[in-house]
């Protein structure tokens, strides 16, 4: 879970760019590889954001996770490497999006803090 300042910066970025995040999450490779966005959520939209914001569902997250559990037997097969690479490629736009706030002048964040 990101630190409070990082969390706020990510939420502000999502609020301003939610259409882009929705496109990323709807991409066939992401849906096929991970399914739905996961992570702990608040019961309401966080303070500072209107309850009727078009990204209210995304702003309630406290952590944004793409996750899948693969069959452990896959790890000993030749297909394992390809499966891992496929999922990392599908996840890259998502990770780029979540780390984008660290690159903005508004958010003085060390990108390493995003994944503590």
PDB file of N, CA and C in Angstrom:
ATOM      1  N   UNK A   1       0.843  -1.181   0.000  1.00  0.00           N
ATOM      2  CA  UNK A   1       0.000   0.000   0.000  1.00  0.00           C
ATOM      3  C   UNK A   1       0.884   1.240   0.000  1.00  0.00           C
ATOM      4  N   UNK A   2       0.612   2.153  -0.882  1.00  0.00           N
ATOM      5  CA  UNK A   2       1.423   3.370  -0.955  1.00  0.00           C
ATOM      6  C   UNK A   2       1.289   4.235   0.295  1.00  0.00           C
ATOM      7  N   UNK A   3       2.324   5.006   0.552  1.00  0.00           N
ATOM      8  CA  UNK A   3       2.301   6.001   1.628  1.00  0.00           C
ATOM      9  C   UNK A   3       1.198   7.020   1.319  1.00  0.00           C
ATOM     10  N   UNK A   4       0.689   7.750   2.329  1.00  0.00           N
ATOM     11  CA  UNK A   4      -0.422   8.692   2.095  1.00  0.00           C
ATOM     12  C   UNK A   4      -0.177   9.705   0.970  1.00  0.00           C
ATOM     13  N   UNK A   5       1.005  10.298   0.915  1.00  0.00           N
ATOM     14  CA  UNK A   5       1.285  11.276  -0.140  1.00  0.00           C
ATOM     15  C   UNK A   5       1.305  10.648  -1.516  1.00  0.00           C
ATOM     16  N   UNK A   6       1.846   9.465  -1.610  1.00  0.00           N
ATOM     17  CA  UNK A   6       1.890   8.734  -2.876  1.00  0.00           C
ATOM     18  C   UNK A   6       0.476   8.317  -3.277  1.00  0.00           C
ATOM     19  N   UNK A   7      -0.280   7.837  -2.310  1.00  0.00           N
ATOM     20  CA  UNK A   7      -1.656   7.425  -2.561  1.00  0.00           C
ATOM     21  C   UNK A   7      -2.485   8.590  -3.107  1.00  0.00           C
ATOM     22  N   UNK A   8      -2.340   9.751  -2.514  1.00  0.00           N
ATOM     23  CA  UNK A   8      -3.057  10.931  -2.989  1.00  0.00           C
ATOM     24  C   UNK A   8      -2.636  11.286  -4.412  1.00  0.00           C
ATOM     25  N   UNK A   9      -1.347  11.252  -4.688  1.00  0.00           N
ATOM     26  CA  UNK A   9      -0.860  11.578  -6.037  1.00  0.00           C
ATOM     27  C   UNK A   9      -1.408  10.597  -7.073  1.00  0.00           C
ATOM     28  N   UNK A  10      -1.448   9.323  -6.732  1.00  0.00           N
ATOM     29  CA  UNK A  10      -1.991   8.328  -7.653  1.00  0.00           C
ATOM     30  C   UNK A  10      -3.479   8.582  -7.874  1.00  0.00           C
ATOM     31  N   UNK A  11      -4.202   8.837  -6.804  1.00  0.00           N
ATOM     32  CA  UNK A  11      -5.637   9.098  -6.947  1.00  0.00           C
ATOM     33  C   UNK A  11      -5.908  10.353  -7.778  1.00  0.00           C
ATOM     34  N   UNK A  12      -5.126  11.399  -7.566  1.00  0.00           N
ATOM     35  CA  UNK A  12      -5.298  12.612  -8.374  1.00  0.00           C
ATOM     36  C   UNK A  12      -5.039  12.313  -9.847  1.00  0.00           C
ATOM     37  N   UNK A  13      -4.021  11.509 -10.100  1.00  0.00           N
ATOM     38  CA  UNK A  13      -3.698  11.147 -11.480  1.00  0.00           C
ATOM     39  C   UNK A  13      -4.831  10.318 -12.088  1.00  0.00           C
ATOM     40  N   UNK A  14      -5.356   9.376 -11.316  1.00  0.00           N
ATOM     41  CA  UNK A  14      -6.479   8.568 -11.799  1.00  0.00           C
ATOM     42  C   UNK A  14      -7.688   9.459 -12.066  1.00  0.00           C
ATOM     43  N   UNK A  15      -7.979  10.379 -11.162  1.00  0.00           N
ATOM     44  CA  UNK A  15      -9.125  11.272 -11.333  1.00  0.00           C
ATOM     45  C   UNK A  15      -9.031  12.049 -12.648  1.00  0.00           C
ATOM     46  N   UNK A  16      -7.834  12.466 -12.996  1.00  0.00           N
ATOM     47  CA  UNK A  16      -7.622  13.252 -14.213  1.00  0.00           C
ATOM     48  C   UNK A  16      -7.481  12.395 -15.464  1.00  0.00           C
ATOM     49  N   UNK A  17      -7.129  11.115 -15.319  1.00  0.00           N
ATOM     50  CA  UNK A  17      -6.813  10.257 -16.467  1.00  0.00           C
ATOM     51  C   UNK A  17      -7.536   8.916 -16.410  1.00  0.00           C
ATOM     52  N   UNK A  18      -8.710   8.887 -15.802  1.00  0.00           N
ATOM     53  CA  UNK A  18      -9.405   7.613 -15.603  1.00  0.00           C
ATOM     54  C   UNK A  18      -9.767   6.906 -16.897  1.00  0.00           C
ATOM     55  N   UNK A  19     -10.016   7.657 -17.964  1.00  0.00           N
ATOM     56  CA  UNK A  19     -10.341   7.025 -19.249  1.00  0.00           C
ATOM     57  C   UNK A  19      -9.165   6.181 -19.729  1.00  0.00           C
ATOM     58  N   UNK A  20      -7.967   6.691 -19.548  1.00  0.00           N
ATOM     59  CA  UNK A  20      -6.772   5.955 -19.946  1.00  0.00           C
ATOM     60  C   UNK A  20      -6.629   4.668 -19.114  1.00  0.00           C
ATOM     61  N   UNK A  21      -6.840   4.767 -17.818  1.00  0.00           N
ATOM     62  CA  UNK A  21      -6.746   3.576 -16.966  1.00  0.00           C
ATOM     63  C   UNK A  21      -7.813   2.562 -17.351  1.00  0.00           C
ATOM     64  N   UNK A  22      -8.997   3.014 -17.643  1.00  0.00           N
ATOM     65  CA  UNK A  22     -10.062   2.087 -18.045  1.00  0.00           C
ATOM     66  C   UNK A  22      -9.713   1.374 -19.353  1.00  0.00           C
ATOM     67  N   UNK A  23      -9.100   2.091 -20.294  1.00  0.00           N
ATOM     68  CA  UNK A  23      -8.666   1.455 -21.549  1.00  0.00           C
ATOM     69  C   UNK A  23      -7.618   0.382 -21.275  1.00  0.00           C
ATOM     70  N   UNK A  24      -6.677   0.706 -20.389  1.00  0.00           N
ATOM     71  CA  UNK A  24      -5.629  -0.254 -20.040  1.00  0.00           C
ATOM     72  C   UNK A  24      -6.253  -1.508 -19.420  1.00  0.00           C
ATOM     73  N   UNK A  25      -7.154  -1.314 -18.469  1.00  0.00           N
ATOM     74  CA  UNK A  25      -7.766  -2.455 -17.780  1.00  0.00           C
ATOM     75  C   UNK A  25      -8.697  -3.266 -18.680  1.00  0.00           C
ATOM     76  N   UNK A  26      -9.234  -2.636 -19.716  1.00  0.00           N
ATOM     77  CA  UNK A  26     -10.140  -3.322 -20.639  1.00  0.00           C
ATOM     78  C   UNK A  26      -9.405  -4.007 -21.786  1.00  0.00           C
ATOM     79  N   UNK A  27      -8.117  -3.786 -21.904  1.00  0.00           N
ATOM     80  CA  UNK A  27      -7.355  -4.396 -22.991  1.00  0.00           C
ATOM     81  C   UNK A  27      -7.486  -5.916 -22.936  1.00  0.00           C
ATOM     82  N   UNK A  28      -7.693  -6.542 -24.083  1.00  0.00           N
ATOM     83  CA  UNK A  28      -7.860  -7.995 -24.089  1.00  0.00           C
ATOM     84  C   UNK A  28      -6.723  -8.758 -23.399  1.00  0.00           C
ATOM     85  N   UNK A  29      -5.500  -8.320 -23.577  1.00  0.00           N
ATOM     86  CA  UNK A  29      -4.368  -9.019 -22.952  1.00  0.00           C
ATOM     87  C   UNK A  29      -4.445  -8.939 -21.432  1.00  0.00           C
ATOM     88  N   UNK A  30      -4.882  -7.798 -20.907  1.00  0.00           N
ATOM     89  CA  UNK A  30      -5.006  -7.637 -19.452  1.00  0.00           C
ATOM     90  C   UNK A  30      -6.166  -8.480 -18.940  1.00  0.00           C
ATOM     91  N   UNK A  31      -7.303  -8.412 -19.600  1.00  0.00           N
ATOM     92  CA  UNK A  31      -8.478  -9.181 -19.171  1.00  0.00           C
ATOM     93  C   UNK A  31      -8.182 -10.680 -19.200  1.00  0.00           C
ATOM     94  N   UNK A  32      -7.530 -11.122 -20.272  1.00  0.00           N
ATOM     95  CA  UNK A  32      -7.228 -12.546 -20.430  1.00  0.00           C
ATOM     96  C   UNK A  32      -6.191 -13.013 -19.406  1.00  0.00           C
ATOM     97  N   UNK A  33      -5.206 -12.164 -19.118  1.00  0.00           N
ATOM     98  CA  UNK A  33      -4.114 -12.544 -18.228  1.00  0.00           C
ATOM     99  C   UNK A  33      -4.427 -12.385 -16.749  1.00  0.00           C
ATOM    100  N   UNK A  34      -5.272 -11.397 -16.405  1.00  0.00           N
ATOM    101  CA  UNK A  34      -5.469 -11.066 -14.997  1.00  0.00           C
ATOM    102  C   UNK A  34      -6.933 -10.971 -14.559  1.00  0.00           C
ATOM    103  N   UNK A  35      -7.830 -10.736 -15.472  1.00  0.00           N
ATOM    104  CA  UNK A  35      -9.224 -10.535 -15.077  1.00  0.00           C
ATOM    105  C   UNK A  35      -9.432  -9.132 -14.561  1.00  0.00           C
ATOM    106  N   UNK A  36     -10.119  -9.019 -13.449  1.00  0.00           N
ATOM    107  CA  UNK A  36     -10.484  -7.720 -12.875  1.00  0.00           C
ATOM    108  C   UNK A  36      -9.364  -7.125 -12.025  1.00  0.00           C
ATOM    109  N   UNK A  37      -9.386  -5.807 -11.899  1.00  0.00           N
ATOM    110  CA  UNK A  37      -8.506  -5.087 -10.990  1.00  0.00           C
ATOM    111  C   UNK A  37      -8.820  -5.524  -9.564  1.00  0.00           C
ATOM    112  N   UNK A  38      -7.778  -5.747  -8.783  1.00  0.00           N
ATOM    113  CA  UNK A  38      -7.941  -6.183  -7.402  1.00  0.00           C
ATOM    114  C   UNK A  38      -7.241  -5.209  -6.465  1.00  0.00           C
ATOM    115  N   UNK A  39      -7.530  -5.337  -5.187  1.00  0.00           N
ATOM    116  CA  UNK A  39      -6.882  -4.514  -4.173  1.00  0.00           C
ATOM    117  C   UNK A  39      -7.869  -4.084  -3.105  1.00  0.00           C
ATOM    118  N   UNK A  40      -7.333  -3.685  -1.959  1.00  0.00           N
ATOM    119  CA  UNK A  40      -8.169  -3.196  -0.873  1.00  0.00           C
ATOM    120  C   UNK A  40      -8.864  -1.911  -1.295  1.00  0.00           C
ATOM    121  N   UNK A  41     -10.101  -1.760  -0.826  1.00  0.00           N
ATOM    122  CA  UNK A  41     -10.884  -0.586  -1.194  1.00  0.00           C
ATOM    123  C   UNK A  41     -11.552   0.031   0.030  1.00  0.00           C
ATOM    124  N   UNK A  42     -11.771   1.323  -0.091  1.00  0.00           N
ATOM    125  CA  UNK A  42     -12.579   2.042   0.887  1.00  0.00           C
ATOM    126  C   UNK A  42     -14.046   1.782   0.581  1.00  0.00           C
ATOM    127  N   UNK A  43     -14.903   1.983   1.559  1.00  0.00           N
ATOM    128  CA  UNK A  43     -16.334   1.817   1.316  1.00  0.00           C
ATOM    129  C   UNK A  43     -16.924   3.034   0.596  1.00  0.00           C
ATOM    130  N   UNK A  44     -16.231   4.170   0.698  1.00  0.00           N
ATOM    131  CA  UNK A  44     -16.672   5.414   0.049  1.00  0.00           C
ATOM    132  C   UNK A  44     -15.515   6.037  -0.719  1.00  0.00           C
ATOM    133  N   UNK A  45     -15.858   7.003  -1.537  1.00  0.00           N
ATOM    134  CA  UNK A  45     -14.838   7.774  -2.258  1.00  0.00           C
ATOM    135  C   UNK A  45     -14.040   8.560  -1.215  1.00  0.00           C
ATOM    136  N   UNK A  46     -12.716   8.611  -1.346  1.00  0.00           N
ATOM    137  CA  UNK A  46     -11.913   9.306  -0.338  1.00  0.00           C
ATOM    138  C   UNK A  46     -12.189  10.811  -0.288  1.00  0.00           C
ATOM    139  N   UNK A  47     -11.882  11.398   0.864  1.00  0.00           N
ATOM    140  CA  UNK A  47     -12.037  12.845   1.048  1.00  0.00           C
ATOM    141  C   UNK A  47     -11.314  13.586  -0.065  1.00  0.00           C
ATOM    142  N   UNK A  48     -11.902  14.679  -0.461  1.00  0.00           N
ATOM    143  CA  UNK A  48     -11.287  15.513  -1.489  1.00  0.00           C
ATOM    144  C   UNK A  48     -11.751  15.190  -2.895  1.00  0.00           C
ATOM    145  N   UNK A  49     -12.513  14.112  -3.062  1.00  0.00           N
ATOM    146  CA  UNK A  49     -13.028  13.724  -4.370  1.00  0.00           C
ATOM    147  C   UNK A  49     -14.548  13.637  -4.275  1.00  0.00           C
ATOM    148  N   UNK A  50     -15.251  14.166  -5.279  1.00  0.00           N
ATOM    149  CA  UNK A  50     -16.717  14.109  -5.225  1.00  0.00           C
ATOM    150  C   UNK A  50     -17.222  12.669  -5.322  1.00  0.00           C
ATOM    151  N   UNK A  51     -18.261  12.370  -4.572  1.00  0.00           N
ATOM    152  CA  UNK A  51     -18.825  11.018  -4.556  1.00  0.00           C
ATOM    153  C   UNK A  51     -19.322  10.585  -5.933  1.00  0.00           C
ATOM    154  N   UNK A  52     -19.699  11.552  -6.762  1.00  0.00           N
ATOM    155  CA  UNK A  52     -20.219  11.229  -8.090  1.00  0.00           C
ATOM    156  C   UNK A  52     -19.151  11.352  -9.188  1.00  0.00           C
ATOM    157  N   UNK A  53     -17.890  11.358  -8.799  1.00  0.00           N
ATOM    158  CA  UNK A  53     -16.806  11.442  -9.789  1.00  0.00           C
ATOM    159  C   UNK A  53     -16.912  10.241 -10.728  1.00  0.00           C
ATOM    160  N   UNK A  54     -16.681  10.426 -12.034  1.00  0.00           N
ATOM    161  CA  UNK A  54     -16.773   9.303 -12.975  1.00  0.00           C
ATOM    162  C   UNK A  54     -15.790   8.162 -12.672  1.00  0.00           C
ATOM    163  N   UNK A  55     -14.767   8.439 -11.900  1.00  0.00           N
ATOM    164  CA  UNK A  55     -13.789   7.403 -11.542  1.00  0.00           C
ATOM    165  C   UNK A  55     -13.931   6.984 -10.081  1.00  0.00           C
ATOM    166  N   UNK A  56     -15.094   7.217  -9.488  1.00  0.00           N
ATOM    167  CA  UNK A  56     -15.290   6.917  -8.067  1.00  0.00           C
ATOM    168  C   UNK A  56     -14.914   5.479  -7.737  1.00  0.00           C
ATOM    169  N   UNK A  57     -15.269   4.545  -8.609  1.00  0.00           N
ATOM    170  CA  UNK A  57     -14.951   3.138  -8.353  1.00  0.00           C
ATOM    171  C   UNK A  57     -13.444   2.894  -8.308  1.00  0.00           C
ATOM    172  N   UNK A  58     -12.686   3.609  -9.117  1.00  0.00           N
ATOM    173  CA  UNK A  58     -11.222   3.455  -9.141  1.00  0.00           C
ATOM    174  C   UNK A  58     -10.555   4.220  -8.000  1.00  0.00           C
ATOM    175  N   UNK A  59     -11.139   5.330  -7.605  1.00  0.00           N
ATOM    176  CA  UNK A  59     -10.564   6.152  -6.538  1.00  0.00           C
ATOM    177  C   UNK A  59     -10.704   5.498  -5.161  1.00  0.00           C
ATOM    178  N   UNK A  60     -11.664   4.608  -5.000  1.00  0.00           N
ATOM    179  CA  UNK A  60     -11.857   3.937  -3.717  1.00  0.00           C
ATOM    180  C   UNK A  60     -10.741   2.939  -3.395  1.00  0.00           C
ATOM    181  N   UNK A  61      -9.993   2.539  -4.408  1.00  0.00           N
ATOM    182  CA  UNK A  61      -8.911   1.580  -4.165  1.00  0.00           C
ATOM    183  C   UNK A  61      -7.832   2.202  -3.292  1.00  0.00           C
ATOM    184  N   UNK A  62      -7.273   1.395  -2.411  1.00  0.00           N
ATOM    185  CA  UNK A  62      -6.112   1.791  -1.603  1.00  0.00           C
ATOM    186  C   UNK A  62      -4.842   1.190  -2.192  1.00  0.00           C
ATOM    187  N   UNK A  63      -5.011   0.174  -3.009  1.00  0.00           N
ATOM    188  CA  UNK A  63      -3.920  -0.425  -3.764  1.00  0.00           C
ATOM    189  C   UNK A  63      -4.530  -0.990  -5.044  1.00  0.00           C
ATOM    190  N   UNK A  64      -3.792  -0.906  -6.119  1.00  0.00           N
ATOM    191  CA  UNK A  64      -4.274  -1.326  -7.427  1.00  0.00           C
ATOM    192  C   UNK A  64      -3.416  -2.506  -7.853  1.00  0.00           C
ATOM    193  N   UNK A  65      -4.059  -3.667  -8.010  1.00  0.00           N
ATOM    194  CA  UNK A  65      -3.305  -4.904  -8.220  1.00  0.00           C
ATOM    195  C   UNK A  65      -3.872  -5.685  -9.396  1.00  0.00           C
ATOM    196  N   UNK A  66      -2.985  -6.094 -10.283  1.00  0.00           N
ATOM    197  CA  UNK A  66      -3.315  -7.092 -11.290  1.00  0.00           C
ATOM    198  C   UNK A  66      -2.647  -8.376 -10.813  1.00  0.00           C
ATOM    199  N   UNK A  67      -3.448  -9.420 -10.634  1.00  0.00           N
ATOM    200  CA  UNK A  67      -2.948 -10.624  -9.995  1.00  0.00           C
ATOM    201  C   UNK A  67      -3.591 -11.855 -10.617  1.00  0.00           C
ATOM    202  N   UNK A  68      -2.778 -12.882 -10.747  1.00  0.00           N
ATOM    203  CA  UNK A  68      -3.296 -14.179 -11.155  1.00  0.00           C
ATOM    204  C   UNK A  68      -2.425 -15.247 -10.499  1.00  0.00           C
ATOM    205  N   UNK A  69      -3.049 -16.320 -10.107  1.00  0.00           N
ATOM    206  CA  UNK A  69      -2.301 -17.443  -9.558  1.00  0.00           C
ATOM    207  C   UNK A  69      -2.284 -18.534 -10.617  1.00  0.00           C
ATOM    208  N   UNK A  70      -1.092 -18.907 -11.026  1.00  0.00           N
ATOM    209  CA  UNK A  70      -0.939 -19.931 -12.051  1.00  0.00           C
ATOM    210  C   UNK A  70      -0.769 -21.298 -11.400  1.00  0.00           C
ATOM    211  N   UNK A  71      -1.022 -22.315 -12.163  1.00  0.00           N
ATOM    212  CA  UNK A  71      -0.828 -23.683 -11.689  1.00  0.00           C
ATOM    213  C   UNK A  71       0.652 -23.880 -11.362  1.00  0.00           C
ATOM    214  N   UNK A  72       0.972 -24.308 -10.157  1.00  0.00           N
ATOM    215  CA  UNK A  72       2.387 -24.495  -9.791  1.00  0.00           C
ATOM    216  C   UNK A  72       3.133 -25.444 -10.724  1.00  0.00           C
ATOM    217  N   UNK A  73       2.450 -26.392 -11.318  1.00  0.00           N
ATOM    218  CA  UNK A  73       3.099 -27.336 -12.234  1.00  0.00           C
ATOM    219  C   UNK A  73       3.665 -26.634 -13.466  1.00  0.00           C
ATOM    220  N   UNK A  74       3.111 -25.480 -13.800  1.00  0.00           N
ATOM    221  CA  UNK A  74       3.593 -24.713 -14.953  1.00  0.00           C
ATOM    222  C   UNK A  74       5.063 -24.321 -14.793  1.00  0.00           C
ATOM    223  N   UNK A  75       5.508 -24.136 -13.565  1.00  0.00           N
ATOM    224  CA  UNK A  75       6.875 -23.676 -13.291  1.00  0.00           C
ATOM    225  C   UNK A  75       7.938 -24.644 -13.780  1.00  0.00           C
ATOM    226  N   UNK A  76       7.587 -25.871 -13.997  1.00  0.00           N
ATOM    227  CA  UNK A  76       8.583 -26.864 -14.438  1.00  0.00           C
ATOM    228  C   UNK A  76       8.438 -27.216 -15.911  1.00  0.00           C
ATOM    229  N   UNK A  77       7.686 -26.411 -16.641  1.00  0.00           N
ATOM    230  CA  UNK A  77       7.470 -26.693 -18.058  1.00  0.00           C
ATOM    231  C   UNK A  77       8.169 -25.655 -18.931  1.00  0.00           C
ATOM    232  N   UNK A  78       8.386 -25.981 -20.184  1.00  0.00           N
ATOM    233  CA  UNK A  78       8.972 -25.004 -21.117  1.00  0.00           C
ATOM    234  C   UNK A  78       8.056 -23.802 -21.373  1.00  0.00           C
ATOM    235  N   UNK A  79       6.762 -23.924 -21.091  1.00  0.00           N
ATOM    236  CA  UNK A  79       5.808 -22.838 -21.326  1.00  0.00           C
ATOM    237  C   UNK A  79       5.895 -21.745 -20.260  1.00  0.00           C
ATOM    238  N   UNK A  80       6.538 -22.042 -19.151  1.00  0.00           N
ATOM    239  CA  UNK A  80       6.582 -21.101 -18.034  1.00  0.00           C
ATOM    240  C   UNK A  80       7.124 -19.731 -18.448  1.00  0.00           C
ATOM    241  N   UNK A  81       8.265 -19.692 -19.100  1.00  0.00           N
ATOM    242  CA  UNK A  81       8.880 -18.426 -19.487  1.00  0.00           C
ATOM    243  C   UNK A  81       7.929 -17.604 -20.346  1.00  0.00           C
ATOM    244  N   UNK A  82       7.309 -18.230 -21.336  1.00  0.00           N
ATOM    245  CA  UNK A  82       6.377 -17.524 -22.216  1.00  0.00           C
ATOM    246  C   UNK A  82       5.178 -16.965 -21.461  1.00  0.00           C
ATOM    247  N   UNK A  83       4.659 -17.736 -20.512  1.00  0.00           N
ATOM    248  CA  UNK A  83       3.523 -17.276 -19.709  1.00  0.00           C
ATOM    249  C   UNK A  83       3.891 -16.043 -18.877  1.00  0.00           C
ATOM    250  N   UNK A  84       5.080 -16.073 -18.288  1.00  0.00           N
ATOM    251  CA  UNK A  84       5.524 -14.941 -17.469  1.00  0.00           C
ATOM    252  C   UNK A  84       5.730 -13.705 -18.350  1.00  0.00           C
ATOM    253  N   UNK A  85       6.395 -13.869 -19.473  1.00  0.00           N
ATOM    254  CA  UNK A  85       6.654 -12.744 -20.375  1.00  0.00           C
ATOM    255  C   UNK A  85       5.335 -12.159 -20.885  1.00  0.00           C
ATOM    256  N   UNK A  86       4.396 -13.008 -21.247  1.00  0.00           N
ATOM    257  CA  UNK A  86       3.090 -12.542 -21.729  1.00  0.00           C
ATOM    258  C   UNK A  86       2.402 -11.673 -20.680  1.00  0.00           C
ATOM    259  N   UNK A  87       2.439 -12.114 -19.438  1.00  0.00           N
ATOM    260  CA  UNK A  87       1.775 -11.356 -18.374  1.00  0.00           C
ATOM    261  C   UNK A  87       2.501 -10.047 -18.059  1.00  0.00           C
ATOM    262  N   UNK A  88       3.812 -10.062 -18.079  1.00  0.00           N
ATOM    263  CA  UNK A  88       4.549  -8.820 -17.841  1.00  0.00           C
ATOM    264  C   UNK A  88       4.296  -7.812 -18.961  1.00  0.00           C
ATOM    265  N   UNK A  89       4.234  -8.284 -20.191  1.00  0.00           N
ATOM    266  CA  UNK A  89       3.934  -7.373 -21.309  1.00  0.00           C
ATOM    267  C   UNK A  89       2.543  -6.781 -21.176  1.00  0.00           C
ATOM    268  N   UNK A  90       1.589  -7.604 -20.762  1.00  0.00           N
ATOM    269  CA  UNK A  90       0.216  -7.115 -20.580  1.00  0.00           C
ATOM    270  C   UNK A  90       0.150  -6.101 -19.441  1.00  0.00           C
ATOM    271  N   UNK A  91       0.969  -6.293 -18.415  1.00  0.00           N
ATOM    272  CA  UNK A  91       0.936  -5.451 -17.222  1.00  0.00           C
ATOM    273  C   UNK A  91       1.708  -4.136 -17.388  1.00  0.00           C
ATOM    274  N   UNK A  92       2.624  -4.061 -18.333  1.00  0.00           N
ATOM    275  CA  UNK A  92       3.497  -2.888 -18.449  1.00  0.00           C
ATOM    276  C   UNK A  92       2.730  -1.566 -18.583  1.00  0.00           C
ATOM    277  N   UNK A  93       1.731  -1.440 -19.441  1.00  0.00           N
ATOM    278  CA  UNK A  93       1.003  -0.156 -19.507  1.00  0.00           C
ATOM    279  C   UNK A  93       0.362   0.217 -18.171  1.00  0.00           C
ATOM    280  N   UNK A  94      -0.113  -0.771 -17.438  1.00  0.00           N
ATOM    281  CA  UNK A  94      -0.704  -0.540 -16.124  1.00  0.00           C
ATOM    282  C   UNK A  94       0.347   0.010 -15.162  1.00  0.00           C
ATOM    283  N   UNK A  95       1.510  -0.604 -15.129  1.00  0.00           N
ATOM    284  CA  UNK A  95       2.585  -0.132 -14.261  1.00  0.00           C
ATOM    285  C   UNK A  95       3.066   1.253 -14.669  1.00  0.00           C
ATOM    286  N   UNK A  96       3.170   1.492 -15.965  1.00  0.00           N
ATOM    287  CA  UNK A  96       3.553   2.829 -16.443  1.00  0.00           C
ATOM    288  C   UNK A  96       2.550   3.877 -15.972  1.00  0.00           C
ATOM    289  N   UNK A  97       1.268   3.528 -16.039  1.00  0.00           N
ATOM    290  CA  UNK A  97       0.226   4.461 -15.594  1.00  0.00           C
ATOM    291  C   UNK A  97       0.365   4.763 -14.108  1.00  0.00           C
ATOM    292  N   UNK A  98       0.512   3.726 -13.288  1.00  0.00           N
ATOM    293  CA  UNK A  98       0.585   3.939 -11.836  1.00  0.00           C
ATOM    294  C   UNK A  98       1.842   4.675 -11.394  1.00  0.00           C
ATOM    295  N   UNK A  99       2.912   4.570 -12.154  1.00  0.00           N
ATOM    296  CA  UNK A  99       4.140   5.262 -11.775  1.00  0.00           C
ATOM    297  C   UNK A  99       4.238   6.651 -12.407  1.00  0.00           C
ATOM    298  N   UNK A 100       3.316   6.986 -13.294  1.00  0.00           N
ATOM    299  CA  UNK A 100       3.339   8.302 -13.938  1.00  0.00           C
ATOM    300  C   UNK A 100       3.280   9.465 -12.954  1.00  0.00           C
ATOM    301  N   UNK A 101       2.527   9.370 -11.856  1.00  0.00           N
ATOM    302  CA  UNK A 101       2.497  10.503 -10.919  1.00  0.00           C
ATOM    303  C   UNK A 101       3.881  10.856 -10.370  1.00  0.00           C
ATOM    304  N   UNK A 102       4.762   9.890 -10.294  1.00  0.00           N
ATOM    305  CA  UNK A 102       6.111  10.157  -9.788  1.00  0.00           C
ATOM    306  C   UNK A 102       6.899  11.038 -10.748  1.00  0.00           C
ATOM    307  N   UNK A 103       6.498  11.047 -12.009  1.00  0.00           N
ATOM    308  CA  UNK A 103       7.209  11.835 -13.014  1.00  0.00           C
ATOM    309  C   UNK A 103       6.672  13.257 -13.138  1.00  0.00           C
ATOM    310  N   UNK A 104       5.539  13.527 -12.503  1.00  0.00           N
ATOM    311  CA  UNK A 104       4.965  14.862 -12.627  1.00  0.00           C
ATOM    312  C   UNK A 104       5.616  15.820 -11.643  1.00  0.00           C
ATOM    313  N   UNK A 105       5.580  17.070 -11.969  1.00  0.00           N
ATOM    314  CA  UNK A 105       6.170  18.084 -11.080  1.00  0.00           C
ATOM    315  C   UNK A 105       5.361  18.240  -9.802  1.00  0.00           C
ATOM    316  N   UNK A 106       4.036  17.993  -9.901  1.00  0.00           N
ATOM    317  CA  UNK A 106       3.177  18.128  -8.724  1.00  0.00           C
ATOM    318  C   UNK A 106       3.534  17.120  -7.645  1.00  0.00           C
ATOM    319  N   UNK A 107       3.822  15.912  -8.062  1.00  0.00           N
ATOM    320  CA  UNK A 107       4.051  14.832  -7.100  1.00  0.00           C
ATOM    321  C   UNK A 107       5.549  14.600  -6.926  1.00  0.00           C
ATOM    322  N   UNK A 108       6.068  14.988  -5.830  1.00  0.00           N
ATOM    323  CA  UNK A 108       7.483  14.796  -5.534  1.00  0.00           C
ATOM    324  C   UNK A 108       7.626  13.430  -4.856  1.00  0.00           C
ATOM    325  N   UNK A 109       7.600  12.401  -5.675  1.00  0.00           N
ATOM    326  CA  UNK A 109       7.587  11.034  -5.173  1.00  0.00           C
ATOM    327  C   UNK A 109       8.781  10.281  -5.738  1.00  0.00           C
ATOM    328  N   UNK A 110       9.385   9.475  -4.907  1.00  0.00           N
ATOM    329  CA  UNK A 110      10.403   8.533  -5.352  1.00  0.00           C
ATOM    330  C   UNK A 110       9.653   7.325  -5.896  1.00  0.00           C
ATOM    331  N   UNK A 111       9.826   6.947  -7.175  1.00  0.00           N
ATOM    332  CA  UNK A 111       9.067   5.817  -7.739  1.00  0.00           C
ATOM    333  C   UNK A 111       9.239   4.537  -6.941  1.00  0.00           C
ATOM    334  N   UNK A 112      10.314   4.378  -6.236  1.00  0.00           N
ATOM    335  CA  UNK A 112      10.504   3.166  -5.425  1.00  0.00           C
ATOM    336  C   UNK A 112       9.498   3.087  -4.292  1.00  0.00           C
ATOM    337  N   UNK A 113       8.914   4.224  -3.880  1.00  0.00           N
ATOM    338  CA  UNK A 113       7.932   4.243  -2.803  1.00  0.00           C
ATOM    339  C   UNK A 113       6.580   3.691  -3.260  1.00  0.00           C
ATOM    340  N   UNK A 114       6.351   3.600  -4.570  1.00  0.00           N
ATOM    341  CA  UNK A 114       5.072   3.165  -5.077  1.00  0.00           C
ATOM    342  C   UNK A 114       4.815   1.689  -4.808  1.00  0.00           C
ATOM    343  N   UNK A 115       5.851   0.923  -4.623  1.00  0.00           N
ATOM    344  CA  UNK A 115       5.692  -0.521  -4.486  1.00  0.00           C
ATOM    345  C   UNK A 115       6.278  -1.034  -3.202  1.00  0.00           C
ATOM    346  N   UNK A 116       6.104  -0.291  -2.127  1.00  0.00           N
ATOM    347  CA  UNK A 116       6.597  -0.725  -0.814  1.00  0.00           C
ATOM    348  C   UNK A 116       5.615  -1.675  -0.194  1.00  0.00           C
TER     349      UNK A 116
END
